[in-house]
Amino acid sequence: MDDDSSTAVRGAEEAIAPAYDAEQFNEYLASLLPLVLGAELQDLKSSLFLNPEVTEKCKRFAIDPQNLVLYVMKVKGDEEDKYTYTIASEITYLPNHVASLAIIKRVSILDPTRSLQAQLQIINLPGPAGSDGSTAITPYEAIHSYIHLAVSPYFNAYVNAKGGNLDGGSGTGSKVKHDDSKMGIPMAKKKIAELELSLLHLQQNVEIPEISLNIHPVVKEGVEKCKAEGKRLTVDVIDPSYLVDSVFLNKLQGDVNGWIKEIQKVTKLDRDPASGTAIQEINFWLSMEKALESIEEQLRSDHIVLTLDILKHAKPFTPQCRLSPILV
């Protein structure tokens, strides 16, 4: 089908589709996202509701029969406790993702005359930046919990209820088993159990987290300025007023402390060789080596070097500044 034909078909579909009510969808997100993603309404307005591109994506989701899922992703910003929100038709998994929410249509086209709650279902998916060391959960654990605690029991409950209705208390249990086999229900149960077991085995692999060290915007700007002008990177690139600004210097020190915590997520990892296979042990140390090389590369970057140089230069003004040996 050529472009003109595709445009004509799309136009015809939109002509017969119910009108998309952006306000209704925004109200739904405004009620949902603070509960499931801990979103602030102000952040939602600036990231989603006032963004024309997001509005268009939501419209396509509502009226396009082929567009069955929409992902809302909570993204950690450069500053602490600052978050932005993005909407996409495809999900991604990046180090700065706090969580993702899958909004799935139960119908092909959303009907504005009906409640959105009755036409949508949601799945909350944790991200790598959404938990500290004590509450960290891998995708394997998250998916296993969904399968083990929700999908499998839901499937079994439905099959049992269906079997009970077929039986009707008349003693035709053998007929029910025969019908189940004919429909492939035992095979489906077996596949679900195999998936659970596979996810459980994957949890025995010790995941090495990807470390991304937070950089202050002023430092980023200074590095970019030096590169653009072809100059050697020195503290002189930073506005002198920042070098005596206690708020700025304390924020840099906080970033450094954050780097130490992030790096320790990797350096303090260990695994019991008896807890898995030889292949898992080999893969763990290969992944550890790769992670440490990545950390070392980041620590040698211009952004890290400039940050530490600023703190060293300003040390007389910030006597509380202490740099970890791992960073100097």
C-alpha atoms as a PDB file:
ATOM      1  CA  MET A   1       0.000   0.000   0.000  1.00  0.00           C
ATOM      2  CA  ASP A   2       1.445   3.382  -1.024  1.00  0.00           C
ATOM      3  CA  ASP A   3       1.652   6.446   1.241  1.00  0.00           C
ATOM      4  CA  ASP A   4      -1.452   8.103  -0.255  1.00  0.00           C
ATOM      5  CA  SER A   5      -3.518   4.968   0.302  1.00  0.00           C
ATOM      6  CA  SER A   6      -2.215   4.605   3.864  1.00  0.00           C
ATOM      7  CA  THR A   7      -3.097   8.217   4.605  1.00  0.00           C
ATOM      8  CA  ALA A   8      -6.564   7.705   3.138  1.00  0.00           C
ATOM      9  CA  VAL A   9      -7.175   4.582   5.228  1.00  0.00           C
ATOM     10  CA  ARG A  10      -5.911   6.309   8.375  1.00  0.00           C
ATOM     11  CA  GLY A  11      -8.145   9.273   7.673  1.00  0.00           C
ATOM     12  CA  ALA A  12     -11.147   6.998   7.187  1.00  0.00           C
ATOM     13  CA  GLU A  13     -10.423   5.194  10.469  1.00  0.00           C
ATOM     14  CA  GLU A  14     -10.189   8.477  12.360  1.00  0.00           C
ATOM     15  CA  ALA A  15     -13.398   9.698  10.730  1.00  0.00           C
ATOM     16  CA  ILE A  16     -15.423   6.760  12.069  1.00  0.00           C
ATOM     17  CA  ALA A  17     -13.574   6.482  15.394  1.00  0.00           C
ATOM     18  CA  PRO A  18     -15.073   8.099  18.510  1.00  0.00           C
ATOM     19  CA  ALA A  19     -13.647  11.531  19.246  1.00  0.00           C
ATOM     20  CA  TYR A  20     -10.561  11.500  21.450  1.00  0.00           C
ATOM     21  CA  ASP A  21     -11.087  13.392  24.695  1.00  0.00           C
ATOM     22  CA  ALA A  22      -7.655  14.619  25.810  1.00  0.00           C
ATOM     23  CA  GLU A  23      -9.051  16.099  29.011  1.00  0.00           C
ATOM     24  CA  GLN A  24     -10.603  12.767  30.014  1.00  0.00           C
ATOM     25  CA  PHE A  25      -7.340  10.896  29.425  1.00  0.00           C
ATOM     26  CA  ASN A  26      -5.305  13.535  31.307  1.00  0.00           C
ATOM     27  CA  GLU A  27      -7.681  13.286  34.267  1.00  0.00           C
ATOM     28  CA  TYR A  28      -7.259   9.518  34.245  1.00  0.00           C
ATOM     29  CA  LEU A  29      -3.445   9.840  34.275  1.00  0.00           C
ATOM     30  CA  ALA A  30      -3.595  12.575  36.918  1.00  0.00           C
ATOM     31  CA  SER A  31      -5.538  10.223  39.197  1.00  0.00           C
ATOM     32  CA  LEU A  32      -3.532   7.095  38.382  1.00  0.00           C
ATOM     33  CA  LEU A  33       0.127   8.151  38.211  1.00  0.00           C
ATOM     34  CA  PRO A  34       0.405   9.773  41.672  1.00  0.00           C
ATOM     35  CA  LEU A  35      -0.789   6.473  43.157  1.00  0.00           C
ATOM     36  CA  VAL A  36       1.254   3.967  41.151  1.00  0.00           C
ATOM     37  CA  LEU A  37       4.356   6.048  40.298  1.00  0.00           C
ATOM     38  CA  GLY A  38       4.376   8.575  43.154  1.00  0.00           C
ATOM     39  CA  ALA A  39       4.119  11.383  40.598  1.00  0.00           C
ATOM     40  CA  GLU A  40       3.660  15.046  41.478  1.00  0.00           C
ATOM     41  CA  LEU A  41       0.911  16.787  39.512  1.00  0.00           C
ATOM     42  CA  GLN A  42       3.203  19.695  38.666  1.00  0.00           C
ATOM     43  CA  ASP A  43       5.746  17.306  37.134  1.00  0.00           C
ATOM     44  CA  LEU A  44       2.988  15.594  35.149  1.00  0.00           C
ATOM     45  CA  LYS A  45       1.766  18.899  33.759  1.00  0.00           C
ATOM     46  CA  SER A  46       5.204  20.003  32.589  1.00  0.00           C
ATOM     47  CA  SER A  47       6.256  16.578  31.253  1.00  0.00           C
ATOM     48  CA  LEU A  48       3.003  15.245  29.799  1.00  0.00           C
ATOM     49  CA  PHE A  49      -0.149  17.330  29.817  1.00  0.00           C
ATOM     50  CA  LEU A  50       1.331  20.462  28.208  1.00  0.00           C
ATOM     51  CA  ASN A  51       3.401  18.551  25.644  1.00  0.00           C
ATOM     52  CA  PRO A  52       1.798  18.441  22.146  1.00  0.00           C
ATOM     53  CA  GLU A  53       3.826  15.347  21.175  1.00  0.00           C
ATOM     54  CA  VAL A  54       2.498  13.447  24.186  1.00  0.00           C
ATOM     55  CA  THR A  55      -1.045  14.524  23.359  1.00  0.00           C
ATOM     56  CA  GLU A  56      -0.640  13.150  19.832  1.00  0.00           C
ATOM     57  CA  LYS A  57       0.742   9.827  21.127  1.00  0.00           C
ATOM     58  CA  CYS A  58      -2.200   9.475  23.508  1.00  0.00           C
ATOM     59  CA  LYS A  59      -4.617  10.257  20.683  1.00  0.00           C
ATOM     60  CA  ARG A  60      -3.091   7.576  18.449  1.00  0.00           C
ATOM     61  CA  PHE A  61      -3.295   5.116  21.337  1.00  0.00           C
ATOM     62  CA  ALA A  62      -6.965   5.916  21.856  1.00  0.00           C
ATOM     63  CA  ILE A  63      -8.163   5.649  18.239  1.00  0.00           C
ATOM     64  CA  ASP A  64      -5.683   3.283  16.536  1.00  0.00           C
ATOM     65  CA  PRO A  65      -6.791  -0.402  16.706  1.00  0.00           C
ATOM     66  CA  GLN A  66      -3.167  -1.495  16.125  1.00  0.00           C
ATOM     67  CA  ASN A  67      -1.851   0.592  19.031  1.00  0.00           C
ATOM     68  CA  LEU A  68      -2.740  -1.534  22.055  1.00  0.00           C
ATOM     69  CA  VAL A  69      -0.260  -0.412  24.712  1.00  0.00           C
ATOM     70  CA  LEU A  70       1.176   2.842  26.013  1.00  0.00           C
ATOM     71  CA  TYR A  71       4.143   3.050  28.379  1.00  0.00           C
ATOM     72  CA  VAL A  72       4.549   5.813  30.943  1.00  0.00           C
ATOM     73  CA  MET A  73       8.130   5.972  32.231  1.00  0.00           C
ATOM     74  CA  LYS A  74       9.312   7.808  35.333  1.00  0.00           C
ATOM     75  CA  VAL A  75      12.843   9.109  34.755  1.00  0.00           C
ATOM     76  CA  LYS A  76      15.269  10.331  37.416  1.00  0.00           C
ATOM     77  CA  GLY A  77      16.585  13.825  36.709  1.00  0.00           C
ATOM     78  CA  ASP A  78      20.060  15.291  37.205  1.00  0.00           C
ATOM     79  CA  GLU A  79      19.064  16.783  40.537  1.00  0.00           C
ATOM     80  CA  GLU A  80      18.103  14.699  43.556  1.00  0.00           C
ATOM     81  CA  ASP A  81      14.352  14.063  43.973  1.00  0.00           C
ATOM     82  CA  LYS A  82      13.652  15.538  40.527  1.00  0.00           C
ATOM     83  CA  TYR A  83      11.741  13.396  38.040  1.00  0.00           C
ATOM     84  CA  THR A  84      10.353  13.688  34.548  1.00  0.00           C
ATOM     85  CA  TYR A  85       7.789  11.517  32.787  1.00  0.00           C
ATOM     86  CA  THR A  86       7.758  10.240  29.234  1.00  0.00           C
ATOM     87  CA  ILE A  87       5.162   8.384  27.176  1.00  0.00           C
ATOM     88  CA  ALA A  88       6.033   5.944  24.383  1.00  0.00           C
ATOM     89  CA  SER A  89       4.577   3.031  22.454  1.00  0.00           C
ATOM     90  CA  GLU A  90       7.720   0.974  23.137  1.00  0.00           C
ATOM     91  CA  ILE A  91       9.295   0.299  26.517  1.00  0.00           C
ATOM     92  CA  THR A  92      12.964   0.876  27.326  1.00  0.00           C
ATOM     93  CA  TYR A  93      15.082  -0.035  30.358  1.00  0.00           C
ATOM     94  CA  LEU A  94      17.739   2.558  31.197  1.00  0.00           C
ATOM     95  CA  PRO A  95      19.778   3.221  34.365  1.00  0.00           C
ATOM     96  CA  ASN A  96      17.830   6.429  35.136  1.00  0.00           C
ATOM     97  CA  HIS A  97      14.395   4.785  34.873  1.00  0.00           C
ATOM     98  CA  VAL A  98      12.622   4.666  38.227  1.00  0.00           C
ATOM     99  CA  ALA A  99       9.622   2.671  36.990  1.00  0.00           C
ATOM    100  CA  SER A 100       7.468   2.042  33.943  1.00  0.00           C
ATOM    101  CA  LEU A 101       3.725   1.666  33.713  1.00  0.00           C
ATOM    102  CA  ALA A 102       2.155  -0.362  30.911  1.00  0.00           C
ATOM    103  CA  ILE A 103      -1.348   0.877  30.042  1.00  0.00           C
ATOM    104  CA  ILE A 104      -3.052  -1.808  27.952  1.00  0.00           C
ATOM    105  CA  LYS A 105      -6.282  -1.456  26.028  1.00  0.00           C
ATOM    106  CA  ARG A 106      -8.968  -4.112  26.517  1.00  0.00           C
ATOM    107  CA  VAL A 107     -10.720  -2.775  23.418  1.00  0.00           C
ATOM    108  CA  SER A 108      -9.413  -1.767  20.002  1.00  0.00           C
ATOM    109  CA  ILE A 109     -10.636   1.846  20.211  1.00  0.00           C
ATOM    110  CA  LEU A 110     -11.338   3.774  23.422  1.00  0.00           C
ATOM    111  CA  ASP A 111     -14.938   4.901  23.789  1.00  0.00           C
ATOM    112  CA  PRO A 112     -15.153   8.404  25.359  1.00  0.00           C
ATOM    113  CA  THR A 113     -18.709   7.678  26.570  1.00  0.00           C
ATOM    114  CA  ARG A 114     -17.468   4.865  28.817  1.00  0.00           C
ATOM    115  CA  SER A 115     -15.209   4.889  31.859  1.00  0.00           C
ATOM    116  CA  LEU A 116     -11.528   4.508  30.952  1.00  0.00           C
ATOM    117  CA  GLN A 117     -11.091   2.241  33.964  1.00  0.00           C
ATOM    118  CA  ALA A 118     -13.392  -0.298  32.279  1.00  0.00           C
ATOM    119  CA  GLN A 119     -11.399  -0.187  29.026  1.00  0.00           C
ATOM    120  CA  LEU A 120      -7.811  -0.257  30.326  1.00  0.00           C
ATOM    121  CA  GLN A 121      -5.601  -2.440  32.479  1.00  0.00           C
ATOM    122  CA  ILE A 122      -2.212  -1.555  33.958  1.00  0.00           C
ATOM    123  CA  ILE A 123       1.017  -3.284  34.943  1.00  0.00           C
ATOM    124  CA  ASN A 124       3.633  -1.563  37.115  1.00  0.00           C
ATOM    125  CA  LEU A 125       7.230  -2.481  36.177  1.00  0.00           C
ATOM    126  CA  PRO A 126      10.126  -1.443  38.468  1.00  0.00           C
ATOM    127  CA  GLY A 127      13.196   0.279  37.047  1.00  0.00           C
ATOM    128  CA  PRO A 128      16.871   0.182  38.082  1.00  0.00           C
ATOM    129  CA  ALA A 129      16.799   3.686  39.618  1.00  0.00           C
ATOM    130  CA  GLY A 130      13.675   3.022  41.659  1.00  0.00           C
ATOM    131  CA  SER A 131      15.126   1.303  44.700  1.00  0.00           C
ATOM    132  CA  ASP A 132      18.066   1.390  47.066  1.00  0.00           C
ATOM    133  CA  GLY A 133      20.209  -1.584  47.961  1.00  0.00           C
ATOM    134  CA  SER A 134      17.755  -2.887  50.588  1.00  0.00           C
ATOM    135  CA  THR A 135      14.725  -2.914  48.269  1.00  0.00           C
ATOM    136  CA  ALA A 136      16.365  -3.608  44.910  1.00  0.00           C
ATOM    137  CA  ILE A 137      14.438  -5.961  42.651  1.00  0.00           C
ATOM    138  CA  THR A 138      15.569  -7.315  39.301  1.00  0.00           C
ATOM    139  CA  PRO A 139      13.263  -7.699  36.289  1.00  0.00           C
ATOM    140  CA  TYR A 140      13.543 -11.463  36.779  1.00  0.00           C
ATOM    141  CA  GLU A 141      12.165 -11.134  40.319  1.00  0.00           C
ATOM    142  CA  ALA A 142       9.436  -8.723  39.242  1.00  0.00           C
ATOM    143  CA  ILE A 143       8.245 -10.909  36.356  1.00  0.00           C
ATOM    144  CA  HIS A 144       8.453 -14.051  38.515  1.00  0.00           C
ATOM    145  CA  SER A 145       6.279 -12.442  41.184  1.00  0.00           C
ATOM    146  CA  TYR A 146       3.679 -11.449  38.573  1.00  0.00           C
ATOM    147  CA  ILE A 147       3.604 -14.957  37.097  1.00  0.00           C
ATOM    148  CA  HIS A 148       3.750 -16.818  40.422  1.00  0.00           C
ATOM    149  CA  LEU A 149       1.417 -14.620  42.478  1.00  0.00           C
ATOM    150  CA  ALA A 150      -1.019 -13.288  39.864  1.00  0.00           C
ATOM    151  CA  VAL A 151      -0.964 -14.814  36.367  1.00  0.00           C
ATOM    152  CA  SER A 152      -0.744 -18.496  37.381  1.00  0.00           C
ATOM    153  CA  PRO A 153      -3.352 -18.264  40.186  1.00  0.00           C
ATOM    154  CA  TYR A 154      -5.641 -16.240  37.886  1.00  0.00           C
ATOM    155  CA  PHE A 155      -5.321 -18.816  35.111  1.00  0.00           C
ATOM    156  CA  ASN A 156      -5.930 -21.715  37.518  1.00  0.00           C
ATOM    157  CA  ALA A 157      -8.916 -19.982  39.126  1.00  0.00           C
ATOM    158  CA  TYR A 158     -10.501 -19.455  35.718  1.00  0.00           C
ATOM    159  CA  VAL A 159      -9.875 -23.064  34.647  1.00  0.00           C
ATOM    160  CA  ASN A 160     -11.259 -24.396  37.942  1.00  0.00           C
ATOM    161  CA  ALA A 161     -14.340 -22.192  37.701  1.00  0.00           C
ATOM    162  CA  LYS A 162     -14.901 -23.239  34.102  1.00  0.00           C
ATOM    163  CA  GLY A 163     -14.455 -26.892  35.079  1.00  0.00           C
ATOM    164  CA  GLY A 164     -16.878 -26.503  37.957  1.00  0.00           C
ATOM    165  CA  ASN A 165     -19.506 -25.051  35.634  1.00  0.00           C
ATOM    166  CA  LEU A 166     -19.000 -27.878  33.159  1.00  0.00           C
ATOM    167  CA  ASP A 167     -19.260 -30.463  35.888  1.00  0.00           C
ATOM    168  CA  GLY A 168     -22.317 -28.862  37.439  1.00  0.00           C
ATOM    169  CA  GLY A 169     -22.113 -31.269  40.320  1.00  0.00           C
ATOM    170  CA  SER A 170     -23.299 -34.102  38.067  1.00  0.00           C
ATOM    171  CA  GLY A 171     -20.192 -36.273  38.398  1.00  0.00           C
ATOM    172  CA  THR A 172     -18.848 -35.631  34.904  1.00  0.00           C
ATOM    173  CA  GLY A 173     -15.321 -34.885  36.053  1.00  0.00           C
ATOM    174  CA  SER A 174     -13.798 -37.181  33.416  1.00  0.00           C
ATOM    175  CA  LYS A 175     -15.530 -35.168  30.691  1.00  0.00           C
ATOM    176  CA  VAL A 176     -14.049 -31.962  32.128  1.00  0.00           C
ATOM    177  CA  LYS A 177     -10.518 -33.446  32.078  1.00  0.00           C
ATOM    178  CA  HIS A 178     -11.050 -34.609  28.510  1.00  0.00           C
ATOM    179  CA  ASP A 179     -12.209 -31.123  27.458  1.00  0.00           C
ATOM    180  CA  ASP A 180      -9.244 -29.529  29.243  1.00  0.00           C
ATOM    181  CA  SER A 181      -6.811 -31.792  27.389  1.00  0.00           C
ATOM    182  CA  LYS A 182      -8.511 -31.046  24.110  1.00  0.00           C
ATOM    183  CA  MET A 183      -8.135 -27.312  24.718  1.00  0.00           C
ATOM    184  CA  GLY A 184      -4.473 -27.650  25.664  1.00  0.00           C
ATOM    185  CA  ILE A 185      -4.955 -26.474  29.250  1.00  0.00           C
ATOM    186  CA  PRO A 186      -2.497 -28.991  30.799  1.00  0.00           C
ATOM    187  CA  MET A 187       0.160 -27.874  28.310  1.00  0.00           C
ATOM    188  CA  ALA A 188      -0.497 -24.212  29.137  1.00  0.00           C
ATOM    189  CA  LYS A 189      -0.153 -24.985  32.858  1.00  0.00           C
ATOM    190  CA  LYS A 190       3.109 -26.796  32.166  1.00  0.00           C
ATOM    191  CA  LYS A 191       4.492 -23.861  30.150  1.00  0.00           C
ATOM    192  CA  ILE A 192       3.574 -21.398  32.904  1.00  0.00           C
ATOM    193  CA  ALA A 193       5.305 -23.599  35.501  1.00  0.00           C
ATOM    194  CA  GLU A 194       8.389 -23.859  33.262  1.00  0.00           C
ATOM    195  CA  LEU A 195       8.471 -20.072  32.877  1.00  0.00           C
ATOM    196  CA  GLU A 196       8.286 -19.647  36.658  1.00  0.00           C
ATOM    197  CA  LEU A 197      11.166 -22.085  37.126  1.00  0.00           C
ATOM    198  CA  SER A 198      13.291 -20.396  34.448  1.00  0.00           C
ATOM    199  CA  LEU A 199      12.787 -16.994  36.071  1.00  0.00           C
ATOM    200  CA  LEU A 200      13.689 -18.488  39.449  1.00  0.00           C
ATOM    201  CA  HIS A 201      16.945 -19.842  38.014  1.00  0.00           C
ATOM    202  CA  LEU A 202      17.750 -16.473  36.459  1.00  0.00           C
ATOM    203  CA  GLN A 203      17.483 -14.897  39.914  1.00  0.00           C
ATOM    204  CA  GLN A 204      20.471 -16.991  41.002  1.00  0.00           C
ATOM    205  CA  ASN A 205      22.610 -14.926  38.640  1.00  0.00           C
ATOM    206  CA  VAL A 206      24.035 -11.974  40.592  1.00  0.00           C
ATOM    207  CA  GLU A 207      23.247  -8.935  38.481  1.00  0.00           C
ATOM    208  CA  ILE A 208      25.982  -6.303  38.280  1.00  0.00           C
ATOM    209  CA  PRO A 209      24.204  -2.930  38.287  1.00  0.00           C
ATOM    210  CA  GLU A 210      25.052  -0.343  35.642  1.00  0.00           C
ATOM    211  CA  ILE A 211      26.510   2.694  37.377  1.00  0.00           C
ATOM    212  CA  SER A 212      25.843   6.189  36.066  1.00  0.00           C
ATOM    213  CA  LEU A 213      27.467   8.965  38.097  1.00  0.00           C
ATOM    214  CA  ASN A 214      25.436  12.143  38.486  1.00  0.00           C
ATOM    215  CA  ILE A 215      27.082  15.322  37.161  1.00  0.00           C
ATOM    216  CA  HIS A 216      26.114  18.882  38.132  1.00  0.00           C
ATOM    217  CA  PRO A 217      24.763  20.993  35.212  1.00  0.00           C
ATOM    218  CA  VAL A 218      27.355  23.744  35.875  1.00  0.00           C
ATOM    219  CA  VAL A 219      30.154  21.183  35.512  1.00  0.00           C
ATOM    220  CA  LYS A 220      28.607  19.804  32.316  1.00  0.00           C
ATOM    221  CA  GLU A 221      28.410  23.319  30.894  1.00  0.00           C
ATOM    222  CA  GLY A 222      32.048  23.992  31.794  1.00  0.00           C
ATOM    223  CA  VAL A 223      33.276  20.817  30.079  1.00  0.00           C
ATOM    224  CA  GLU A 224      31.223  21.554  26.945  1.00  0.00           C
ATOM    225  CA  LYS A 225      32.575  25.110  26.859  1.00  0.00           C
ATOM    226  CA  CYS A 226      36.196  23.910  26.998  1.00  0.00           C
ATOM    227  CA  LYS A 227      35.599  21.382  24.257  1.00  0.00           C
ATOM    228  CA  ALA A 228      33.879  23.944  22.026  1.00  0.00           C
ATOM    229  CA  GLU A 229      36.720  26.449  22.483  1.00  0.00           C
ATOM    230  CA  GLY A 230      39.471  23.816  22.300  1.00  0.00           C
ATOM    231  CA  LYS A 231      40.875  24.859  25.669  1.00  0.00           C
ATOM    232  CA  ARG A 232      42.528  22.780  28.372  1.00  0.00           C
ATOM    233  CA  LEU A 233      40.124  21.841  31.139  1.00  0.00           C
ATOM    234  CA  THR A 234      40.793  23.861  34.310  1.00  0.00           C
ATOM    235  CA  VAL A 235      38.805  25.276  37.231  1.00  0.00           C
ATOM    236  CA  ASP A 236      39.073  28.691  35.533  1.00  0.00           C
ATOM    237  CA  VAL A 237      36.235  27.665  33.200  1.00  0.00           C
ATOM    238  CA  ILE A 238      33.830  27.912  36.164  1.00  0.00           C
ATOM    239  CA  ASP A 239      32.374  31.293  37.108  1.00  0.00           C
ATOM    240  CA  PRO A 240      34.397  32.452  40.191  1.00  0.00           C
ATOM    241  CA  SER A 241      31.191  33.184  42.090  1.00  0.00           C
ATOM    242  CA  TYR A 242      30.445  29.445  42.148  1.00  0.00           C
ATOM    243  CA  LEU A 243      33.786  28.675  43.773  1.00  0.00           C
ATOM    244  CA  VAL A 244      32.742  30.502  46.956  1.00  0.00           C
ATOM    245  CA  ASP A 245      29.059  29.529  46.789  1.00  0.00           C
ATOM    246  CA  SER A 246      28.476  27.141  49.701  1.00  0.00           C
ATOM    247  CA  VAL A 247      25.191  25.865  48.222  1.00  0.00           C
ATOM    248  CA  PHE A 248      26.905  24.918  44.961  1.00  0.00           C
ATOM    249  CA  LEU A 249      29.930  23.393  46.705  1.00  0.00           C
ATOM    250  CA  ASN A 250      27.771  21.389  49.095  1.00  0.00           C
ATOM    251  CA  LYS A 251      25.774  20.090  46.120  1.00  0.00           C
ATOM    252  CA  LEU A 252      29.019  18.967  44.466  1.00  0.00           C
ATOM    253  CA  GLN A 253      30.072  17.267  47.692  1.00  0.00           C
ATOM    254  CA  GLY A 254      26.682  15.555  47.802  1.00  0.00           C
ATOM    255  CA  ASP A 255      27.230  14.351  44.242  1.00  0.00           C
ATOM    256  CA  VAL A 256      30.612  12.909  45.229  1.00  0.00           C
ATOM    257  CA  ASN A 257      29.047  11.114  48.196  1.00  0.00           C
ATOM    258  CA  GLY A 258      26.434   9.786  45.797  1.00  0.00           C
ATOM    259  CA  TRP A 259      29.192   8.492  43.491  1.00  0.00           C
ATOM    260  CA  ILE A 260      30.725   6.586  46.395  1.00  0.00           C
ATOM    261  CA  LYS A 261      27.397   4.925  47.229  1.00  0.00           C
ATOM    262  CA  GLU A 262      26.796   4.038  43.585  1.00  0.00           C
ATOM    263  CA  ILE A 263      30.279   2.562  43.172  1.00  0.00           C
ATOM    264  CA  GLN A 264      29.905   0.554  46.389  1.00  0.00           C
ATOM    265  CA  LYS A 265      26.846  -1.128  44.880  1.00  0.00           C
ATOM    266  CA  VAL A 266      29.353  -2.851  42.596  1.00  0.00           C
ATOM    267  CA  THR A 267      32.509  -3.107  44.718  1.00  0.00           C
ATOM    268  CA  LYS A 268      30.681  -4.670  47.677  1.00  0.00           C
ATOM    269  CA  LEU A 269      28.944  -7.306  45.559  1.00  0.00           C
ATOM    270  CA  ASP A 270      29.871 -10.908  46.176  1.00  0.00           C
ATOM    271  CA  ARG A 271      28.358 -14.305  45.577  1.00  0.00           C
ATOM    272  CA  ASP A 272      28.546 -17.729  47.191  1.00  0.00           C
ATOM    273  CA  PRO A 273      30.148 -20.133  44.681  1.00  0.00           C
ATOM    274  CA  ALA A 274      28.051 -22.947  46.167  1.00  0.00           C
ATOM    275  CA  SER A 275      24.794 -21.131  45.360  1.00  0.00           C
ATOM    276  CA  GLY A 276      24.915 -21.721  41.611  1.00  0.00           C
ATOM    277  CA  THR A 277      26.673 -23.336  38.710  1.00  0.00           C
ATOM    278  CA  ALA A 278      30.251 -22.892  37.489  1.00  0.00           C
ATOM    279  CA  ILE A 279      28.948 -20.962  34.475  1.00  0.00           C
ATOM    280  CA  GLN A 280      27.119 -18.530  36.774  1.00  0.00           C
ATOM    281  CA  GLU A 281      30.327 -18.017  38.776  1.00  0.00           C
ATOM    282  CA  ILE A 282      32.338 -17.313  35.607  1.00  0.00           C
ATOM    283  CA  ASN A 283      29.686 -14.938  34.233  1.00  0.00           C
ATOM    284  CA  PHE A 284      29.589 -13.074  37.555  1.00  0.00           C
ATOM    285  CA  TRP A 285      33.316 -12.280  37.514  1.00  0.00           C
ATOM    286  CA  LEU A 286      33.324 -11.421  33.815  1.00  0.00           C
ATOM    287  CA  SER A 287      30.446  -8.993  34.427  1.00  0.00           C
ATOM    288  CA  MET A 288      32.226  -7.613  37.493  1.00  0.00           C
ATOM    289  CA  GLU A 289      35.367  -6.926  35.436  1.00  0.00           C
ATOM    290  CA  LYS A 290      33.317  -5.137  32.774  1.00  0.00           C
ATOM    291  CA  ALA A 291      31.496  -3.055  35.414  1.00  0.00           C
ATOM    292  CA  LEU A 292      34.748  -2.014  37.107  1.00  0.00           C
ATOM    293  CA  GLU A 293      36.240  -0.997  33.760  1.00  0.00           C
ATOM    294  CA  SER A 294      33.151   1.146  33.105  1.00  0.00           C
ATOM    295  CA  ILE A 295      33.482   2.793  36.531  1.00  0.00           C
ATOM    296  CA  GLU A 296      37.169   3.478  35.978  1.00  0.00           C
ATOM    297  CA  GLU A 297      36.407   5.042  32.598  1.00  0.00           C
ATOM    298  CA  GLN A 298      33.787   7.326  34.162  1.00  0.00           C
ATOM    299  CA  LEU A 299      36.153   8.344  36.987  1.00  0.00           C
ATOM    300  CA  ARG A 300      38.708   9.454  34.385  1.00  0.00           C
ATOM    301  CA  SER A 301      36.157  11.530  32.484  1.00  0.00           C
ATOM    302  CA  ASP A 302      36.446  15.315  32.254  1.00  0.00           C
ATOM    303  CA  HIS A 303      33.249  15.789  34.264  1.00  0.00           C
ATOM    304  CA  ILE A 304      34.544  13.841  37.269  1.00  0.00           C
ATOM    305  CA  VAL A 305      38.005  15.423  37.077  1.00  0.00           C
ATOM    306  CA  LEU A 306      36.557  18.954  36.956  1.00  0.00           C
ATOM    307  CA  THR A 307      34.183  18.276  39.847  1.00  0.00           C
ATOM    308  CA  LEU A 308      37.020  17.046  42.075  1.00  0.00           C
ATOM    309  CA  ASP A 309      39.292  19.917  41.000  1.00  0.00           C
ATOM    310  CA  ILE A 310      36.592  22.428  41.970  1.00  0.00           C
ATOM    311  CA  LEU A 311      36.241  20.858  45.419  1.00  0.00           C
ATOM    312  CA  LYS A 312      40.023  20.750  45.921  1.00  0.00           C
ATOM    313  CA  HIS A 313      40.308  24.383  44.829  1.00  0.00           C
ATOM    314  CA  ALA A 314      37.480  25.427  47.169  1.00  0.00           C
ATOM    315  CA  LYS A 315      38.636  23.332  50.120  1.00  0.00           C
ATOM    316  CA  PRO A 316      39.567  26.377  52.264  1.00  0.00           C
ATOM    317  CA  PHE A 317      35.936  27.496  51.931  1.00  0.00           C
ATOM    318  CA  THR A 318      34.518  24.017  52.576  1.00  0.00           C
ATOM    319  CA  PRO A 319      36.448  22.427  55.452  1.00  0.00           C
ATOM    320  CA  GLN A 320      33.752  19.730  55.727  1.00  0.00           C
ATOM    321  CA  CYS A 321      34.701  18.444  52.262  1.00  0.00           C
ATOM    322  CA  ARG A 322      36.241  14.977  52.409  1.00  0.00           C
ATOM    323  CA  LEU A 323      37.015  13.017  49.270  1.00  0.00           C
ATOM    324  CA  SER A 324      36.990   9.247  49.271  1.00  0.00           C
ATOM    325  CA  PRO A 325      40.347   7.626  48.282  1.00  0.00           C
ATOM    326  CA  ILE A 326      38.495   5.766  45.526  1.00  0.00           C
ATOM    327  CA  LEU A 327      37.803   9.091  43.796  1.00  0.00           C
ATOM    328  CA  VAL A 328      41.197  10.805  44.100  1.00  0.00           C
END
